[in-house]
Amino acid sequence: MPDRRPLSQPDAHARALAWLDHRHHLARELVAALLATVPAPAVACALEQLTTGQLHLLALQLAHAAGLEVDLHAGTIGPTTTTTGRRPR
């Protein structure tokens, strides 16, 4: 029979963080699998349900993962600039 004693604050915190990390991993894997298999019109329909802020965040995260720079105000995408502010050649 499992031990039913209350968890200490640090143990409860660690357990909650582990649970959240696991849920994040499952959600990430599900989204990646769906993006790879769902037809583009269905993806577009799902993206329409997101707020502007969520779309901006998604765009920035995708661009960063791909090594691209996004200007949300101009709507442009390009390679990440160097520390000098110039685009790499």
PDB file of N, CA and C in Angstrom:
ATOM      1  N   MET A   1       0.837  -1.172   0.000  1.00  0.00           N
ATOM      2  CA  MET A   1       0.000   0.000   0.000  1.00  0.00           C
ATOM      3  C   MET A   1       0.891   1.248   0.000  1.00  0.00           C
ATOM      4  N   PRO A   2       0.560   2.254  -0.852  1.00  0.00           N
ATOM      5  CA  PRO A   2       1.419   3.438  -0.933  1.00  0.00           C
ATOM      6  C   PRO A   2       1.389   4.251   0.356  1.00  0.00           C
ATOM      7  N   ASP A   3       2.491   4.931   0.583  1.00  0.00           N
ATOM      8  CA  ASP A   3       2.610   5.801   1.746  1.00  0.00           C
ATOM      9  C   ASP A   3       1.753   7.047   1.510  1.00  0.00           C
ATOM     10  N   ARG A   4       0.817   7.344   2.425  1.00  0.00           N
ATOM     11  CA  ARG A   4      -0.126   8.453   2.256  1.00  0.00           C
ATOM     12  C   ARG A   4       0.225   9.670   3.117  1.00  0.00           C
ATOM     13  N   ARG A   5       1.439   9.734   3.608  1.00  0.00           N
ATOM     14  CA  ARG A   5       1.818  10.897   4.400  1.00  0.00           C
ATOM     15  C   ARG A   5       1.881  12.129   3.498  1.00  0.00           C
ATOM     16  N   PRO A   6       1.543  13.302   4.031  1.00  0.00           N
ATOM     17  CA  PRO A   6       1.623  14.532   3.229  1.00  0.00           C
ATOM     18  C   PRO A   6       3.067  14.783   2.781  1.00  0.00           C
ATOM     19  N   LEU A   7       3.192  15.336   1.586  1.00  0.00           N
ATOM     20  CA  LEU A   7       4.520  15.671   1.075  1.00  0.00           C
ATOM     21  C   LEU A   7       5.015  16.955   1.710  1.00  0.00           C
ATOM     22  N   SER A   8       6.321  17.059   1.853  1.00  0.00           N
ATOM     23  CA  SER A   8       6.895  18.321   2.317  1.00  0.00           C
ATOM     24  C   SER A   8       6.724  19.360   1.203  1.00  0.00           C
ATOM     25  N   GLN A   9       6.846  20.608   1.537  1.00  0.00           N
ATOM     26  CA  GLN A   9       6.702  21.689   0.550  1.00  0.00           C
ATOM     27  C   GLN A   9       7.684  21.502  -0.615  1.00  0.00           C
ATOM     28  N   PRO A  10       8.974  21.240  -0.367  1.00  0.00           N
ATOM     29  CA  PRO A  10       9.902  21.045  -1.492  1.00  0.00           C
ATOM     30  C   PRO A  10       9.551  19.809  -2.340  1.00  0.00           C
ATOM     31  N   ASP A  11       9.105  18.730  -1.689  1.00  0.00           N
ATOM     32  CA  ASP A  11       8.732  17.530  -2.442  1.00  0.00           C
ATOM     33  C   ASP A  11       7.485  17.773  -3.289  1.00  0.00           C
ATOM     34  N   ALA A  12       6.517  18.483  -2.727  1.00  0.00           N
ATOM     35  CA  ALA A  12       5.304  18.800  -3.475  1.00  0.00           C
ATOM     36  C   ALA A  12       5.637  19.700  -4.657  1.00  0.00           C
ATOM     37  N   HIS A  13       6.523  20.655  -4.444  1.00  0.00           N
ATOM     38  CA  HIS A  13       6.942  21.561  -5.509  1.00  0.00           C
ATOM     39  C   HIS A  13       7.661  20.787  -6.618  1.00  0.00           C
ATOM     40  N   ALA A  14       8.565  19.915  -6.228  1.00  0.00           N
ATOM     41  CA  ALA A  14       9.304  19.113  -7.214  1.00  0.00           C
ATOM     42  C   ALA A  14       8.363  18.206  -7.998  1.00  0.00           C
ATOM     43  N   ARG A  15       7.391  17.616  -7.326  1.00  0.00           N
ATOM     44  CA  ARG A  15       6.434  16.745  -8.001  1.00  0.00           C
ATOM     45  C   ARG A  15       5.584  17.544  -8.991  1.00  0.00           C
ATOM     46  N   ALA A  16       5.157  18.737  -8.590  1.00  0.00           N
ATOM     47  CA  ALA A  16       4.351  19.582  -9.475  1.00  0.00           C
ATOM     48  C   ALA A  16       5.153  20.005 -10.703  1.00  0.00           C
ATOM     49  N   LEU A  17       6.412  20.376 -10.504  1.00  0.00           N
ATOM     50  CA  LEU A  17       7.261  20.756 -11.637  1.00  0.00           C
ATOM     51  C   LEU A  17       7.483  19.586 -12.588  1.00  0.00           C
ATOM     52  N   ALA A  18       7.681  18.403 -12.047  1.00  0.00           N
ATOM     53  CA  ALA A  18       7.869  17.215 -12.887  1.00  0.00           C
ATOM     54  C   ALA A  18       6.604  16.922 -13.686  1.00  0.00           C
ATOM     55  N   TRP A  19       5.452  17.072 -13.055  1.00  0.00           N
ATOM     56  CA  TRP A  19       4.180  16.841 -13.747  1.00  0.00           C
ATOM     57  C   TRP A  19       4.000  17.851 -14.877  1.00  0.00           C
ATOM     58  N   LEU A  20       4.275  19.134 -14.602  1.00  0.00           N
ATOM     59  CA  LEU A  20       4.161  20.169 -15.629  1.00  0.00           C
ATOM     60  C   LEU A  20       5.139  19.931 -16.779  1.00  0.00           C
ATOM     61  N   ASP A  21       6.352  19.520 -16.459  1.00  0.00           N
ATOM     62  CA  ASP A  21       7.351  19.226 -17.492  1.00  0.00           C
ATOM     63  C   ASP A  21       6.893  18.072 -18.372  1.00  0.00           C
ATOM     64  N   HIS A  22       6.323  17.053 -17.764  1.00  0.00           N
ATOM     65  CA  HIS A  22       5.813  15.908 -18.513  1.00  0.00           C
ATOM     66  C   HIS A  22       4.670  16.329 -19.431  1.00  0.00           C
ATOM     67  N   ARG A  23       3.738  17.132 -18.915  1.00  0.00           N
ATOM     68  CA  ARG A  23       2.614  17.623 -19.722  1.00  0.00           C
ATOM     69  C   ARG A  23       3.109  18.481 -20.884  1.00  0.00           C
ATOM     70  N   HIS A  24       4.131  19.307 -20.636  1.00  0.00           N
ATOM     71  CA  HIS A  24       4.709  20.150 -21.688  1.00  0.00           C
ATOM     72  C   HIS A  24       5.311  19.279 -22.788  1.00  0.00           C
ATOM     73  N   HIS A  25       6.044  18.257 -22.386  1.00  0.00           N
ATOM     74  CA  HIS A  25       6.656  17.335 -23.344  1.00  0.00           C
ATOM     75  C   HIS A  25       5.585  16.647 -24.195  1.00  0.00           C
ATOM     76  N   LEU A  26       4.535  16.144 -23.554  1.00  0.00           N
ATOM     77  CA  LEU A  26       3.467  15.475 -24.298  1.00  0.00           C
ATOM     78  C   LEU A  26       2.783  16.428 -25.284  1.00  0.00           C
ATOM     79  N   ALA A  27       2.517  17.654 -24.840  1.00  0.00           N
ATOM     80  CA  ALA A  27       1.861  18.639 -25.713  1.00  0.00           C
ATOM     81  C   ALA A  27       2.756  18.997 -26.890  1.00  0.00           C
ATOM     82  N   ARG A  28       4.043  19.177 -26.633  1.00  0.00           N
ATOM     83  CA  ARG A  28       4.998  19.511 -27.702  1.00  0.00           C
ATOM     84  C   ARG A  28       5.068  18.399 -28.726  1.00  0.00           C
ATOM     85  N   GLU A  29       5.134  17.170 -28.270  1.00  0.00           N
ATOM     86  CA  GLU A  29       5.188  16.034 -29.183  1.00  0.00           C
ATOM     87  C   GLU A  29       3.906  15.914 -30.004  1.00  0.00           C
ATOM     88  N   LEU A  30       2.778  16.166 -29.375  1.00  0.00           N
ATOM     89  CA  LEU A  30       1.499  16.106 -30.080  1.00  0.00           C
ATOM     90  C   LEU A  30       1.428  17.178 -31.160  1.00  0.00           C
ATOM     91  N   VAL A  31       1.814  18.407 -30.827  1.00  0.00           N
ATOM     92  CA  VAL A  31       1.782  19.491 -31.810  1.00  0.00           C
ATOM     93  C   VAL A  31       2.725  19.193 -32.965  1.00  0.00           C
ATOM     94  N   ALA A  32       3.920  18.717 -32.685  1.00  0.00           N
ATOM     95  CA  ALA A  32       4.871  18.404 -33.750  1.00  0.00           C
ATOM     96  C   ALA A  32       4.313  17.318 -34.668  1.00  0.00           C
ATOM     97  N   ALA A  33       3.714  16.289 -34.097  1.00  0.00           N
ATOM     98  CA  ALA A  33       3.137  15.211 -34.911  1.00  0.00           C
ATOM     99  C   ALA A  33       1.965  15.725 -35.745  1.00  0.00           C
ATOM    100  N   LEU A  34       1.136  16.559 -35.154  1.00  0.00           N
ATOM    101  CA  LEU A  34      -0.003  17.096 -35.897  1.00  0.00           C
ATOM    102  C   LEU A  34       0.442  18.014 -37.025  1.00  0.00           C
ATOM    103  N   LEU A  35       1.420  18.871 -36.772  1.00  0.00           N
ATOM    104  CA  LEU A  35       1.907  19.765 -37.824  1.00  0.00           C
ATOM    105  C   LEU A  35       2.516  18.986 -38.990  1.00  0.00           C
ATOM    106  N   ALA A  36       3.066  17.824 -38.699  1.00  0.00           N
ATOM    107  CA  ALA A  36       3.664  17.004 -39.751  1.00  0.00           C
ATOM    108  C   ALA A  36       2.624  16.224 -40.548  1.00  0.00           C
ATOM    109  N   THR A  37       1.416  16.052 -40.011  1.00  0.00           N
ATOM    110  CA  THR A  37       0.437  15.187 -40.676  1.00  0.00           C
ATOM    111  C   THR A  37      -0.861  15.871 -41.081  1.00  0.00           C
ATOM    112  N   VAL A  38      -1.233  16.940 -40.407  1.00  0.00           N
ATOM    113  CA  VAL A  38      -2.507  17.605 -40.691  1.00  0.00           C
ATOM    114  C   VAL A  38      -2.371  18.437 -41.962  1.00  0.00           C
ATOM    115  N   PRO A  39      -3.366  18.408 -42.842  1.00  0.00           N
ATOM    116  CA  PRO A  39      -3.308  19.215 -44.063  1.00  0.00           C
ATOM    117  C   PRO A  39      -3.217  20.714 -43.746  1.00  0.00           C
ATOM    118  N   ALA A  40      -2.547  21.456 -44.623  1.00  0.00           N
ATOM    119  CA  ALA A  40      -2.323  22.889 -44.421  1.00  0.00           C
ATOM    120  C   ALA A  40      -3.610  23.675 -44.166  1.00  0.00           C
ATOM    121  N   PRO A  41      -4.716  23.403 -44.863  1.00  0.00           N
ATOM    122  CA  PRO A  41      -5.934  24.163 -44.564  1.00  0.00           C
ATOM    123  C   PRO A  41      -6.430  23.965 -43.129  1.00  0.00           C
ATOM    124  N   ALA A  42      -6.254  22.776 -42.589  1.00  0.00           N
ATOM    125  CA  ALA A  42      -6.661  22.528 -41.208  1.00  0.00           C
ATOM    126  C   ALA A  42      -5.742  23.272 -40.234  1.00  0.00           C
ATOM    127  N   VAL A  43      -4.440  23.321 -40.549  1.00  0.00           N
ATOM    128  CA  VAL A  43      -3.505  24.086 -39.712  1.00  0.00           C
ATOM    129  C   VAL A  43      -3.890  25.558 -39.740  1.00  0.00           C
ATOM    130  N   ALA A  44      -4.197  26.082 -40.930  1.00  0.00           N
ATOM    131  CA  ALA A  44      -4.596  27.484 -41.052  1.00  0.00           C
ATOM    132  C   ALA A  44      -5.859  27.756 -40.247  1.00  0.00           C
ATOM    133  N   CYS A  45      -6.795  26.842 -40.281  1.00  0.00           N
ATOM    134  CA  CYS A  45      -8.036  26.989 -39.514  1.00  0.00           C
ATOM    135  C   CYS A  45      -7.737  27.029 -38.013  1.00  0.00           C
ATOM    136  N   ALA A  46      -6.855  26.161 -37.560  1.00  0.00           N
ATOM    137  CA  ALA A  46      -6.490  26.142 -36.140  1.00  0.00           C
ATOM    138  C   ALA A  46      -5.758  27.420 -35.750  1.00  0.00           C
ATOM    139  N   LEU A  47      -4.883  27.922 -36.615  1.00  0.00           N
ATOM    140  CA  LEU A  47      -4.156  29.150 -36.313  1.00  0.00           C
ATOM    141  C   LEU A  47      -5.097  30.347 -36.212  1.00  0.00           C
ATOM    142  N   GLU A  48      -6.185  30.309 -36.951  1.00  0.00           N
ATOM    143  CA  GLU A  48      -7.180  31.393 -36.883  1.00  0.00           C
ATOM    144  C   GLU A  48      -7.806  31.488 -35.497  1.00  0.00           C
ATOM    145  N   GLN A  49      -7.758  30.421 -34.736  1.00  0.00           N
ATOM    146  CA  GLN A  49      -8.351  30.408 -33.400  1.00  0.00           C
ATOM    147  C   GLN A  49      -7.438  31.028 -32.344  1.00  0.00           C
ATOM    148  N   LEU A  50      -6.172  31.265 -32.696  1.00  0.00           N
ATOM    149  CA  LEU A  50      -5.217  31.837 -31.753  1.00  0.00           C
ATOM    150  C   LEU A  50      -5.346  33.359 -31.726  1.00  0.00           C
ATOM    151  N   THR A  51      -4.988  33.941 -30.598  1.00  0.00           N
ATOM    152  CA  THR A  51      -4.973  35.395 -30.495  1.00  0.00           C
ATOM    153  C   THR A  51      -3.768  35.937 -31.259  1.00  0.00           C
ATOM    154  N   THR A  52      -3.769  37.236 -31.509  1.00  0.00           N
ATOM    155  CA  THR A  52      -2.640  37.869 -32.185  1.00  0.00           C
ATOM    156  C   THR A  52      -1.359  37.664 -31.385  1.00  0.00           C
ATOM    157  N   GLY A  53      -1.449  37.810 -30.080  1.00  0.00           N
ATOM    158  CA  GLY A  53      -0.277  37.608 -29.232  1.00  0.00           C
ATOM    159  C   GLY A  53       0.256  36.187 -29.312  1.00  0.00           C
ATOM    160  N   GLN A  54      -0.629  35.210 -29.331  1.00  0.00           N
ATOM    161  CA  GLN A  54      -0.208  33.809 -29.444  1.00  0.00           C
ATOM    162  C   GLN A  54       0.449  33.558 -30.796  1.00  0.00           C
ATOM    163  N   LEU A  55      -0.119  34.139 -31.853  1.00  0.00           N
ATOM    164  CA  LEU A  55       0.479  33.984 -33.184  1.00  0.00           C
ATOM    165  C   LEU A  55       1.860  34.630 -33.250  1.00  0.00           C
ATOM    166  N   HIS A  56       2.011  35.819 -32.657  1.00  0.00           N
ATOM    167  CA  HIS A  56       3.317  36.475 -32.640  1.00  0.00           C
ATOM    168  C   HIS A  56       4.335  35.621 -31.893  1.00  0.00           C
ATOM    169  N   LEU A  57       3.947  35.104 -30.742  1.00  0.00           N
ATOM    170  CA  LEU A  57       4.853  34.266 -29.966  1.00  0.00           C
ATOM    171  C   LEU A  57       5.245  33.022 -30.748  1.00  0.00           C
ATOM    172  N   LEU A  58       4.283  32.378 -31.381  1.00  0.00           N
ATOM    173  CA  LEU A  58       4.568  31.191 -32.187  1.00  0.00           C
ATOM    174  C   LEU A  58       5.516  31.534 -33.329  1.00  0.00           C
ATOM    175  N   ALA A  59       5.267  32.648 -34.007  1.00  0.00           N
ATOM    176  CA  ALA A  59       6.134  33.067 -35.109  1.00  0.00           C
ATOM    177  C   ALA A  59       7.562  33.306 -34.627  1.00  0.00           C
ATOM    178  N   LEU A  60       7.702  33.983 -33.503  1.00  0.00           N
ATOM    179  CA  LEU A  60       9.037  34.250 -32.967  1.00  0.00           C
ATOM    180  C   LEU A  60       9.746  32.969 -32.563  1.00  0.00           C
ATOM    181  N   GLN A  61       9.026  32.053 -31.923  1.00  0.00           N
ATOM    182  CA  GLN A  61       9.631  30.785 -31.500  1.00  0.00           C
ATOM    183  C   GLN A  61      10.065  29.947 -32.697  1.00  0.00           C
ATOM    184  N   LEU A  62       9.225  29.865 -33.721  1.00  0.00           N
ATOM    185  CA  LEU A  62       9.571  29.102 -34.927  1.00  0.00           C
ATOM    186  C   LEU A  62      10.763  29.729 -35.635  1.00  0.00           C
ATOM    187  N   ALA A  63      10.765  31.047 -35.755  1.00  0.00           N
ATOM    188  CA  ALA A  63      11.874  31.733 -36.420  1.00  0.00           C
ATOM    189  C   ALA A  63      13.170  31.512 -35.654  1.00  0.00           C
ATOM    190  N   HIS A  64      13.112  31.646 -34.346  1.00  0.00           N
ATOM    191  CA  HIS A  64      14.310  31.443 -33.531  1.00  0.00           C
ATOM    192  C   HIS A  64      14.853  30.021 -33.700  1.00  0.00           C
ATOM    193  N   ALA A  65      13.960  29.042 -33.678  1.00  0.00           N
ATOM    194  CA  ALA A  65      14.385  27.643 -33.827  1.00  0.00           C
ATOM    195  C   ALA A  65      15.015  27.395 -35.190  1.00  0.00           C
ATOM    196  N   ALA A  66      14.584  28.157 -36.199  1.00  0.00           N
ATOM    197  CA  ALA A  66      15.118  27.992 -37.554  1.00  0.00           C
ATOM    198  C   ALA A  66      16.296  28.929 -37.833  1.00  0.00           C
ATOM    199  N   GLY A  67      16.692  29.721 -36.846  1.00  0.00           N
ATOM    200  CA  GLY A  67      17.804  30.644 -37.044  1.00  0.00           C
ATOM    201  C   GLY A  67      17.426  31.836 -37.909  1.00  0.00           C
ATOM    202  N   LEU A  68      16.176  32.219 -37.864  1.00  0.00           N
ATOM    203  CA  LEU A  68      15.704  33.351 -38.656  1.00  0.00           C
ATOM    204  C   LEU A  68      15.344  34.508 -37.742  1.00  0.00           C
ATOM    205  N   GLU A  69      15.335  35.686 -38.333  1.00  0.00           N
ATOM    206  CA  GLU A  69      14.933  36.881 -37.609  1.00  0.00           C
ATOM    207  C   GLU A  69      13.605  37.349 -38.176  1.00  0.00           C
ATOM    208  N   VAL A  70      12.685  37.709 -37.301  1.00  0.00           N
ATOM    209  CA  VAL A  70      11.355  38.140 -37.725  1.00  0.00           C
ATOM    210  C   VAL A  70      11.143  39.570 -37.267  1.00  0.00           C
ATOM    211  N   ASP A  71      10.661  40.403 -38.176  1.00  0.00           N
ATOM    212  CA  ASP A  71      10.225  41.748 -37.818  1.00  0.00           C
ATOM    213  C   ASP A  71       8.706  41.722 -37.861  1.00  0.00           C
ATOM    214  N   LEU A  72       8.073  41.641 -36.695  1.00  0.00           N
ATOM    215  CA  LEU A  72       6.622  41.515 -36.630  1.00  0.00           C
ATOM    216  C   LEU A  72       5.909  42.753 -37.162  1.00  0.00           C
ATOM    217  N   HIS A  73       6.539  43.905 -37.028  1.00  0.00           N
ATOM    218  CA  HIS A  73       5.901  45.137 -37.497  1.00  0.00           C
ATOM    219  C   HIS A  73       5.922  45.230 -39.017  1.00  0.00           C
ATOM    220  N   ALA A  74       7.033  44.823 -39.623  1.00  0.00           N
ATOM    221  CA  ALA A  74       7.143  44.883 -41.079  1.00  0.00           C
ATOM    222  C   ALA A  74       6.652  43.602 -41.741  1.00  0.00           C
ATOM    223  N   GLY A  75       6.541  42.529 -40.951  1.00  0.00           N
ATOM    224  CA  GLY A  75       6.114  41.255 -41.512  1.00  0.00           C
ATOM    225  C   GLY A  75       7.182  40.591 -42.358  1.00  0.00           C
ATOM    226  N   THR A  76       8.453  40.824 -42.013  1.00  0.00           N
ATOM    227  CA  THR A  76       9.550  40.263 -42.798  1.00  0.00           C
ATOM    228  C   THR A  76      10.259  39.160 -42.027  1.00  0.00           C
ATOM    229  N   ILE A  77      10.861  38.271 -42.789  1.00  0.00           N
ATOM    230  CA  ILE A  77      11.622  37.148 -42.237  1.00  0.00           C
ATOM    231  C   ILE A  77      12.956  37.112 -42.954  1.00  0.00           C
ATOM    232  N   GLY A  78      14.028  36.895 -42.217  1.00  0.00           N
ATOM    233  CA  GLY A  78      15.339  36.780 -42.837  1.00  0.00           C
ATOM    234  C   GLY A  78      16.296  36.070 -41.917  1.00  0.00           C
ATOM    235  N   PRO A  79      17.517  35.844 -42.388  1.00  0.00           N
ATOM    236  CA  PRO A  79      18.513  35.188 -41.534  1.00  0.00           C
ATOM    237  C   PRO A  79      18.834  36.069 -40.334  1.00  0.00           C
ATOM    238  N   THR A  80      19.221  35.447 -39.240  1.00  0.00           N
ATOM    239  CA  THR A  80      19.562  36.179 -38.027  1.00  0.00           C
ATOM    240  C   THR A  80      20.734  37.098 -38.297  1.00  0.00           C
ATOM    241  N   THR A  81      20.674  38.334 -37.791  1.00  0.00           N
ATOM    242  CA  THR A  81      21.774  39.275 -37.967  1.00  0.00           C
ATOM    243  C   THR A  81      22.876  38.963 -36.973  1.00  0.00           C
ATOM    244  N   THR A  82      24.050  39.421 -37.287  1.00  0.00           N
ATOM    245  CA  THR A  82      25.196  39.226 -36.395  1.00  0.00           C
ATOM    246  C   THR A  82      25.165  40.301 -35.330  1.00  0.00           C
ATOM    247  N   THR A  83      26.135  40.274 -34.428  1.00  0.00           N
ATOM    248  CA  THR A  83      26.198  41.275 -33.339  1.00  0.00           C
ATOM    249  C   THR A  83      26.470  42.659 -33.889  1.00  0.00           C
ATOM    250  N   THR A  84      26.993  42.785 -35.123  1.00  0.00           N
ATOM    251  CA  THR A  84      27.243  44.089 -35.713  1.00  0.00           C
ATOM    252  C   THR A  84      25.973  44.688 -36.306  1.00  0.00           C
ATOM    253  N   GLY A  85      24.893  43.895 -36.348  1.00  0.00           N
ATOM    254  CA  GLY A  85      23.663  44.382 -36.923  1.00  0.00           C
ATOM    255  C   GLY A  85      23.552  44.104 -38.405  1.00  0.00           C
ATOM    256  N   ARG A  86      24.584  43.483 -38.973  1.00  0.00           N
ATOM    257  CA  ARG A  86      24.566  43.157 -40.394  1.00  0.00           C
ATOM    258  C   ARG A  86      24.180  41.698 -40.588  1.00  0.00           C
ATOM    259  N   ARG A  87      23.499  41.438 -41.662  1.00  0.00           N
ATOM    260  CA  ARG A  87      23.119  40.051 -41.971  1.00  0.00           C
ATOM    261  C   ARG A  87      24.372  39.294 -42.419  1.00  0.00           C
ATOM    262  N   PRO A  88      24.500  38.031 -41.992  1.00  0.00           N
ATOM    263  CA  PRO A  88      25.661  37.247 -42.434  1.00  0.00           C
ATOM    264  C   PRO A  88      25.609  36.996 -43.928  1.00  0.00           C
ATOM    265  N   ARG A  89      26.795  36.894 -44.543  1.00  0.00           N
ATOM    266  CA  ARG A  89      26.863  36.645 -45.995  1.00  0.00           C
ATOM    267  C   ARG A  89      27.010  35.193 -46.290  1.00  0.00           C
TER     268      ARG A  89
END
